[in-house]
Protein backbone atom coordinates (compact mmCIF):
# COMPACT_ATOMS: atom_id res chain seq x y z
CA UNK A 1 0.01 -0.17 0.12
CA UNK A 2 1.06 3.36 -0.89
CA UNK A 3 2.17 5.77 2.01
CA UNK A 4 -0.22 8.19 1.19
CA UNK A 5 -3.11 5.43 1.03
CA UNK A 6 -1.67 4.15 4.49
CA UNK A 7 -1.33 8.05 5.80
CA UNK A 8 -5.32 8.25 5.02
CA UNK A 9 -6.23 4.86 6.62
CA UNK A 10 -4.60 5.81 9.66
CA UNK A 11 -6.46 8.97 10.19
CA UNK A 12 -9.54 7.83 9.28
CA UNK A 13 -9.07 5.12 12.30
CA UNK A 14 -7.76 7.85 14.65
CA UNK A 15 -10.87 9.91 13.32
CA UNK A 16 -13.24 6.72 14.08
CA UNK A 17 -11.47 5.24 17.41
CA UNK A 18 -10.08 8.58 18.75
CA UNK A 19 -6.79 6.41 19.20
CA UNK A 20 -4.94 4.02 17.17
CA UNK A 21 -2.60 1.32 18.08
CA UNK A 22 0.73 0.07 16.16
CA UNK A 23 -0.22 -3.31 16.45
CA UNK A 24 -3.67 -3.13 14.96
CA UNK A 25 -2.48 -0.78 12.30
CA UNK A 26 0.15 -3.43 11.61
CA UNK A 27 -3.03 -5.67 11.26
CA UNK A 28 -5.07 -3.47 9.38
CA UNK A 29 -2.40 -2.26 7.05
CA UNK A 30 -0.29 -5.08 6.00
CA UNK A 31 2.78 -4.14 6.95
CA UNK A 32 6.17 -3.84 9.35
CA UNK A 33 5.91 -2.26 12.59
CA UNK A 34 8.68 0.17 11.78
CA UNK A 35 6.76 0.95 8.69
CA UNK A 36 4.01 1.92 10.94
CA UNK A 37 5.92 3.91 13.24
CA UNK A 38 7.78 5.74 10.30
CA UNK A 39 3.77 6.47 9.20
CA UNK A 40 3.33 8.06 12.55
CA UNK A 41 6.63 9.99 12.65
CA UNK A 42 5.60 11.67 9.67
CA UNK A 43 1.86 12.07 10.34
CA UNK A 44 3.03 13.66 13.80
CA UNK A 45 5.98 15.87 11.85
CA UNK A 46 2.53 17.18 9.74
CA UNK A 47 1.05 18.10 12.87
CA UNK A 48 -1.98 15.72 12.20
CA UNK A 49 -0.88 13.11 15.32
CA UNK A 50 0.47 12.78 18.47
CA UNK A 51 2.77 9.80 19.17
CA UNK A 52 2.03 7.88 22.26
CA UNK A 53 3.79 4.75 23.64
CA UNK A 54 2.48 2.07 21.51
CA UNK A 55 -0.02 4.33 19.18
CA UNK A 56 -1.10 7.44 18.48
CA UNK A 57 -3.93 9.74 19.40
CA UNK A 58 -5.13 13.12 18.00
CA UNK A 59 -2.82 16.40 18.20
CA UNK A 60 -4.84 17.84 21.26
CA UNK A 61 -4.53 15.39 23.26
CA UNK A 62 -1.76 15.49 24.71
CA UNK A 63 -2.18 19.77 25.40
CA UNK A 64 -3.06 21.85 27.97
CA UNK A 65 -6.47 23.62 28.00
CA UNK A 66 -4.71 26.51 30.24
CA UNK A 67 -3.08 28.06 27.73
CA UNK A 68 -5.00 30.53 24.85
CA UNK A 69 -3.35 29.93 21.88
CA UNK A 70 -2.49 26.28 20.19
CA UNK A 71 1.44 25.86 18.62
CA UNK A 72 0.99 25.91 14.42
CA UNK A 73 0.45 23.08 12.92
CA UNK A 74 3.33 22.97 10.56
CA UNK A 75 6.86 23.55 11.65
CA UNK A 76 10.15 22.76 10.64
CA UNK A 77 9.34 23.32 6.77
CA UNK A 78 8.02 25.59 4.34
CA UNK A 79 4.02 25.33 4.24
CA UNK A 80 2.41 23.56 0.82
CA UNK A 81 -1.05 24.07 -0.29
CA UNK A 82 -2.62 22.79 -3.33
CA UNK A 83 -5.30 24.19 -5.63
CA UNK A 84 -7.80 22.45 -7.72
CA UNK A 85 -9.82 24.26 -10.54
CA UNK A 86 -11.37 23.15 -13.10
CA UNK A 87 -10.68 24.94 -15.95
CA UNK A 88 -7.71 27.72 -16.84
CA UNK A 89 -10.36 30.37 -17.59
CA UNK A 90 -9.73 34.02 -17.46
CA UNK A 91 -12.05 33.97 -14.33
CA UNK A 92 -9.94 31.08 -12.80
CA UNK A 93 -6.40 32.74 -14.04
CA UNK A 94 -7.61 35.66 -11.56
CA UNK A 95 -8.34 33.49 -8.97
CA UNK A 96 -5.42 30.94 -9.16
CA UNK A 97 -3.55 34.82 -9.16
CA UNK A 98 -4.85 36.16 -6.38
CA UNK A 99 -3.75 32.62 -4.64
CA UNK A 100 -0.26 32.76 -5.62
CA UNK A 101 0.33 36.59 -4.62
CA UNK A 102 -1.33 35.51 -1.11
CA UNK A 103 0.96 32.21 -0.51
CA UNK A 104 4.33 34.42 -2.30
CA UNK A 105 4.08 36.74 0.54
CA UNK A 106 3.58 34.26 3.02
CA UNK A 107 6.26 32.10 2.03
CA UNK A 108 3.84 29.06 1.10
CA UNK A 109 4.39 26.92 -2.27
CA UNK A 110 1.26 26.52 -4.18
CA UNK A 111 0.86 23.42 -6.25
CA UNK A 112 -1.96 23.54 -9.27
CA UNK A 113 -3.96 20.91 -10.84
CA UNK A 114 -6.71 21.54 -13.22
CA UNK A 115 -9.69 19.37 -13.70
CA UNK A 116 -11.13 20.51 -17.27
CA UNK A 117 -14.72 20.41 -15.57
CA UNK A 118 -14.04 16.32 -15.01
CA UNK A 119 -16.53 15.61 -12.46
CA UNK A 120 -14.45 11.66 -12.27
CA UNK A 121 -11.52 13.51 -12.24
CA UNK A 122 -11.48 15.86 -9.61
CA UNK A 123 -10.35 12.80 -7.15
CA UNK A 124 -7.89 11.82 -9.08
CA UNK A 125 -6.16 15.19 -9.55
CA UNK A 126 -6.80 15.84 -5.60
CA UNK A 127 -4.79 12.45 -4.94
CA UNK A 128 -2.04 13.69 -7.29
CA UNK A 129 -2.06 16.73 -5.04
CA UNK A 130 -1.97 14.51 -1.64
CA UNK A 131 1.28 12.43 -3.14
CA UNK A 132 2.77 15.96 -3.47
CA UNK A 133 2.41 16.26 -0.16
CA UNK A 134 0.47 19.12 0.21
CA UNK A 135 -0.21 20.34 4.31
CA UNK A 136 -4.05 22.01 3.01
CA UNK A 137 -6.10 21.64 -0.25
CA UNK A 138 -8.55 24.79 -2.09
CA UNK A 139 -10.98 23.04 -4.29
CA UNK A 140 -13.20 24.22 -6.66
CA UNK A 141 -15.40 21.25 -7.62
CA UNK A 142 -16.57 20.82 -11.50
CA UNK A 143 -19.81 20.99 -10.27
CA UNK A 144 -21.71 22.77 -8.25
CA UNK A 145 -23.52 21.64 -4.50
CA UNK A 146 -26.63 21.34 -5.56
CA UNK A 147 -26.05 19.20 -8.81
CA UNK A 148 -23.55 16.52 -6.73
CA UNK A 149 -23.40 17.00 -3.64
CA UNK A 150 -23.27 13.22 -3.08
CA UNK A 151 -20.19 13.40 -5.29
CA UNK A 152 -18.32 15.19 -2.95
CA UNK A 153 -18.82 13.23 0.36
CA UNK A 154 -15.17 12.18 -0.42
CA UNK A 155 -13.71 15.32 0.54
CA UNK A 156 -14.86 14.75 4.17
CA UNK A 157 -12.23 11.95 4.61
CA UNK A 158 -9.59 13.85 3.17
CA UNK A 159 -6.40 13.60 5.47
CA UNK A 160 -5.70 17.30 5.31
CA UNK A 161 -7.88 20.69 5.93
CA UNK A 162 -9.74 21.41 2.73
CA UNK A 163 -11.63 24.93 1.91
CA UNK A 164 -13.66 25.19 -1.06
CA UNK A 165 -13.21 27.96 -3.59
CA UNK A 166 -15.94 29.78 -5.61
CA UNK A 167 -18.48 26.90 -4.29
CA UNK A 168 -20.96 27.43 -1.63
CA UNK A 169 -24.34 25.86 -1.00
CA UNK A 170 -27.74 26.39 0.39
CA UNK A 171 -27.85 25.83 4.11
CA UNK A 172 -30.32 22.50 3.38
CA UNK A 173 -28.10 21.50 0.51
CA UNK A 174 -24.94 18.63 2.02
CA UNK A 175 -23.37 19.01 4.64
CA UNK A 176 -21.89 21.77 6.01
CA UNK A 177 -18.41 22.72 4.16
CA UNK A 178 -15.78 25.98 5.26
CA UNK A 179 -15.90 27.80 1.16
CA UNK A 180 -14.73 31.19 -0.24
CA UNK A 181 -17.17 32.27 -2.91
CA UNK A 182 -17.99 34.88 -4.60
CA UNK A 183 -21.79 35.71 -3.87
CA UNK A 184 -23.59 35.58 -7.11
CA UNK A 185 -26.61 35.89 -5.77
CA UNK A 186 -26.12 39.30 -4.29
CA UNK A 187 -23.83 40.15 -7.90
CA UNK A 188 -27.39 39.52 -9.55
CA UNK A 189 -29.52 41.54 -7.23
CA UNK A 190 -27.22 44.74 -7.57
CA UNK A 191 -27.26 44.13 -10.96
CA UNK A 192 -30.92 44.71 -10.93
CA UNK A 193 -30.98 47.47 -8.69
CA UNK A 194 -28.96 49.65 -11.09
CA UNK A 195 -31.34 48.90 -13.69
CA UNK A 196 -34.30 49.55 -11.28
CA UNK A 197 -33.01 53.03 -10.40
CA UNK A 198 -32.95 53.88 -13.93
CA UNK A 199 -36.03 53.17 -14.00
CA UNK A 200 -36.10 49.72 -15.83
CA UNK A 201 -39.41 47.65 -14.65
CA UNK A 202 -39.47 45.04 -17.83
CA UNK A 203 -36.15 43.46 -17.13
CA UNK A 204 -35.03 39.95 -19.01
CA UNK A 205 -32.82 37.22 -18.27
CA UNK A 206 -30.13 35.08 -19.98
CA UNK A 207 -27.89 32.85 -18.74
CA UNK A 208 -25.39 29.73 -20.13
CA UNK A 209 -25.43 26.71 -17.91
CA UNK A 210 -22.66 27.17 -14.72
CA UNK A 211 -22.29 26.88 -11.05
CA UNK A 212 -22.87 30.32 -11.51
CA UNK A 213 -25.94 30.31 -13.20
CA UNK A 214 -28.03 29.03 -10.57
CA UNK A 215 -27.16 32.15 -7.59
CA UNK A 216 -27.65 34.32 -10.78
CA UNK A 217 -31.33 33.17 -10.98
CA UNK A 218 -32.17 33.51 -7.25
CA UNK A 219 -31.01 36.60 -7.27
CA UNK A 220 -32.73 38.00 -10.01
CA UNK A 221 -35.81 36.19 -8.25
CA UNK A 222 -35.38 38.15 -5.44
CA UNK A 223 -34.58 41.35 -7.64
CA UNK A 224 -38.67 41.00 -8.65
CA UNK A 225 -39.93 40.97 -5.83
CA UNK A 226 -37.63 43.35 -3.42
CA UNK A 227 -37.77 45.94 -6.58
CA UNK A 228 -41.43 46.00 -7.58
CA UNK A 229 -40.32 44.90 -10.85
CA UNK A 230 -42.87 43.32 -13.82
CA UNK A 231 -42.37 39.47 -13.39
CA UNK A 232 -43.29 37.20 -16.10
CA UNK A 233 -40.75 38.90 -18.47
CA UNK A 234 -38.83 36.27 -20.63
CA UNK A 235 -36.16 33.98 -19.01
CA UNK A 236 -33.86 32.15 -20.52
CA UNK A 237 -31.86 30.18 -18.04
CA UNK A 238 -29.52 27.26 -18.15
CA UNK A 239 -29.13 27.04 -22.04
CA UNK A 240 -26.12 26.07 -23.67
CA UNK A 241 -24.86 29.01 -25.34
CA UNK A 242 -25.44 26.87 -29.01
CA UNK A 243 -29.01 27.19 -27.67
CA UNK A 244 -28.98 30.54 -26.64
CA UNK A 245 -27.05 31.72 -30.00
CA UNK A 246 -28.96 29.79 -31.92
CA UNK A 247 -32.55 31.04 -30.56
CA UNK A 248 -31.49 34.78 -30.19
CA UNK A 249 -33.47 35.92 -33.13
CA UNK A 250 -37.18 34.12 -31.52
CA UNK A 251 -35.21 35.79 -28.01
CA UNK A 252 -35.44 39.30 -29.51
CA UNK A 253 -38.56 38.94 -31.09
CA UNK A 254 -40.14 38.06 -27.33
CA UNK A 255 -38.45 40.79 -25.67
CA UNK A 256 -39.82 43.33 -28.13
CA UNK A 257 -43.55 41.23 -27.30
CA UNK A 258 -42.74 41.97 -23.74
CA UNK A 259 -41.45 45.42 -23.46
CA UNK A 260 -38.38 44.65 -22.24
CA UNK A 261 -35.95 47.77 -21.95
CA UNK A 262 -32.96 45.89 -20.36
CA UNK A 263 -31.60 42.19 -20.13
CA UNK A 264 -29.13 40.75 -17.73
CA UNK A 265 -26.96 38.24 -19.68
CA UNK A 266 -24.31 35.93 -18.48
CA UNK A 267 -21.49 35.70 -19.38
CA UNK A 268 -20.18 38.47 -21.65
CA UNK A 269 -19.98 36.88 -24.46
CA UNK A 270 -23.84 36.18 -24.54
CA UNK A 271 -24.03 39.71 -23.74
CA UNK A 272 -22.09 41.45 -26.23
CA UNK A 273 -24.19 38.65 -28.76
CA UNK A 274 -27.20 40.49 -27.76
CA UNK A 275 -26.22 43.95 -27.87
CA UNK A 276 -24.89 43.13 -31.63
CA UNK A 277 -28.09 41.53 -32.40
CA UNK A 278 -30.24 44.35 -31.25
CA UNK A 279 -28.13 46.94 -33.55
CA UNK A 280 -28.84 44.51 -36.46
CA UNK A 281 -32.56 44.92 -35.58
CA UNK A 282 -31.71 49.10 -35.92
CA UNK A 283 -32.16 48.86 -31.85
CA UNK A 284 -29.85 52.16 -30.08
CA UNK A 285 -27.87 50.51 -27.00
CA UNK A 286 -28.63 51.44 -24.31
CA UNK A 287 -31.53 53.94 -25.01
CA UNK A 288 -33.56 51.44 -26.56
CA UNK A 289 -32.76 48.05 -24.83
CA UNK A 290 -30.19 48.25 -21.78
CA UNK A 291 -27.50 45.46 -21.00
CA UNK A 292 -25.99 44.36 -18.42
CA UNK A 293 -23.18 41.85 -18.66
CA UNK A 294 -22.38 39.18 -15.36
CA UNK A 295 -18.66 38.12 -15.21
CA UNK A 296 -16.61 41.21 -16.62
CA UNK A 297 -14.15 39.56 -18.55
CA UNK A 298 -14.25 40.80 -21.79
CA UNK A 299 -17.53 43.27 -21.21
CA UNK A 300 -15.22 46.42 -21.23
CA UNK A 301 -13.66 45.61 -24.79
CA UNK A 302 -16.93 45.41 -26.32
CA UNK A 303 -17.32 48.38 -28.82
CA UNK A 304 -20.27 49.89 -26.69
CA UNK A 305 -18.45 48.72 -23.63
CA UNK A 306 -20.79 46.69 -21.32
CA UNK A 307 -21.83 47.74 -17.72
CA UNK A 308 -20.88 44.52 -15.78
CA UNK A 309 -21.48 42.51 -12.12
CA UNK A 310 -17.58 41.79 -11.27
CA UNK A 311 -17.03 39.41 -9.13
CA UNK A 312 -14.00 40.18 -7.20
CA UNK A 313 -11.46 36.94 -8.19
CA UNK A 314 -8.41 38.14 -6.99
CA UNK A 315 -9.41 38.62 -3.82
CA UNK A 316 -11.65 35.22 -3.50
CA UNK A 317 -8.34 33.54 -4.52
CA UNK A 318 -6.36 35.51 -1.62
CA UNK A 319 -9.09 35.47 1.35
CA UNK A 320 -9.48 31.72 0.61
CA UNK A 321 -5.49 31.12 0.80
CA UNK A 322 -5.47 33.60 4.34
CA UNK A 323 -8.28 31.50 5.42
CA UNK A 324 -6.70 27.87 4.90
CA UNK A 325 -3.54 29.37 6.60
CA UNK A 326 -5.66 30.18 9.77
CA UNK A 327 -6.93 26.31 9.76
CA UNK A 328 -3.15 24.89 9.05
CA UNK A 329 -2.04 26.54 12.12
CA UNK A 330 -5.34 26.73 14.35
CA UNK A 331 -5.20 23.76 16.73
CA UNK A 332 -8.05 24.33 18.53
CA UNK A 333 -11.41 22.88 17.92
CA UNK A 334 -13.70 25.72 18.75
CA UNK A 335 -12.57 27.66 16.13
CA UNK A 336 -15.28 28.97 14.17
CA UNK A 337 -16.04 27.56 10.77
CA UNK A 338 -16.26 29.79 7.74
CA UNK A 339 -18.45 30.75 4.76
CA UNK A 340 -17.18 33.97 3.18
CA UNK A 341 -18.88 35.73 0.92
CA UNK A 342 -16.77 38.51 -1.36
CA UNK A 343 -19.53 40.70 -2.63
CA UNK A 344 -19.76 41.75 -6.62
CA UNK A 345 -19.80 44.69 -7.75
CA UNK A 346 -21.73 46.86 -10.68
CA UNK A 347 -18.93 48.72 -12.99
CA UNK A 348 -21.13 51.21 -15.11
CA UNK A 349 -20.08 51.36 -18.79
CA UNK A 350 -21.79 52.97 -21.94
CA UNK A 351 -24.54 50.00 -22.61
CA UNK A 352 -27.16 51.01 -19.86
CA UNK A 353 -29.19 54.35 -19.28
CA UNK A 354 -32.82 55.32 -18.40
CA UNK A 355 -35.39 53.86 -20.71
CA UNK A 356 -36.90 55.68 -23.27
CA UNK A 357 -40.26 57.16 -22.23
CA UNK A 358 -43.20 54.84 -23.97
CA UNK A 359 -46.16 55.91 -24.92
CA UNK A 360 -49.46 54.66 -23.68
CA UNK A 361 -50.01 53.07 -27.28
CA UNK A 362 -47.23 51.33 -27.03
CA UNK A 363 -47.06 50.19 -23.53
CA UNK A 364 -47.87 46.38 -23.49
CA UNK A 365 -50.62 44.22 -22.32
CA UNK A 366 -50.53 43.50 -18.62
């Protein structure tokens, strides 16, 4: 059995039973006593156990409770943090850059793995990072919790502290996990607030299917009631990019029939396509149709620079490293668990303005 798998088995047994004995581990793992003792020495060096005569106990068991500060888990060497992301898109490159800068500032080695949106490959990539002897893991699964919560159960058994990045869940969705993530629901709500403050009441929604799109839809729905906006507007949610672009003329027809004056579109390239198609139809953007993009990767480069919701991607990466360090250096079981939501902001550019005044004869029914 490989060393990393033996270490995982030892930590699982320790978590289950509260202590482990060398004799029991020899039988369980099928290795010699000297191999087990070497494994225990390595785990103690990493701060994950405390050795006692004949076995090991959790690291807190030998520490007094009178002191208010626990010693750091990692001692005597440079810590290594593993980071797994699902893609090398511009979005995640900025997240990684924030993590890289924070790791450099704290003299931490950062090791990256990319799964290319392969749910089954996530676990393999994490194992490779563990084989590289990481001390903690920043993990962005390929799918959101809402769609693959049971497929993420294995993360509870990882032998290193885990912090999820750009993935979060509703309170009832899965077992509690710690995360640092952009609050996309808030971002969508703020985009709708911007449009409402300009006077728009009929705002359509377009989203490509992604881990972000569910939260954008929730923010859109929350805004309808909170801002007294018209409901029953055209909604094209969680569709593929090909489907949205293939139906774009039909979608624009629906906008016109419903009196839509503004659109929230995710991601940027879909928003740009909406602007281009509107202009082909003789519409003036933003006078006839205001457009807000969600992501702000390329929105500012469009020929009409687009107002956009901009997640603070580098800040997400930076905070993820800093909070994982807190986990690594905290031996106190009473440390509060963390749900860190980083708020996106709306960057106002040339694609939004007040809607044209509509005469009574042009107002749609209802």
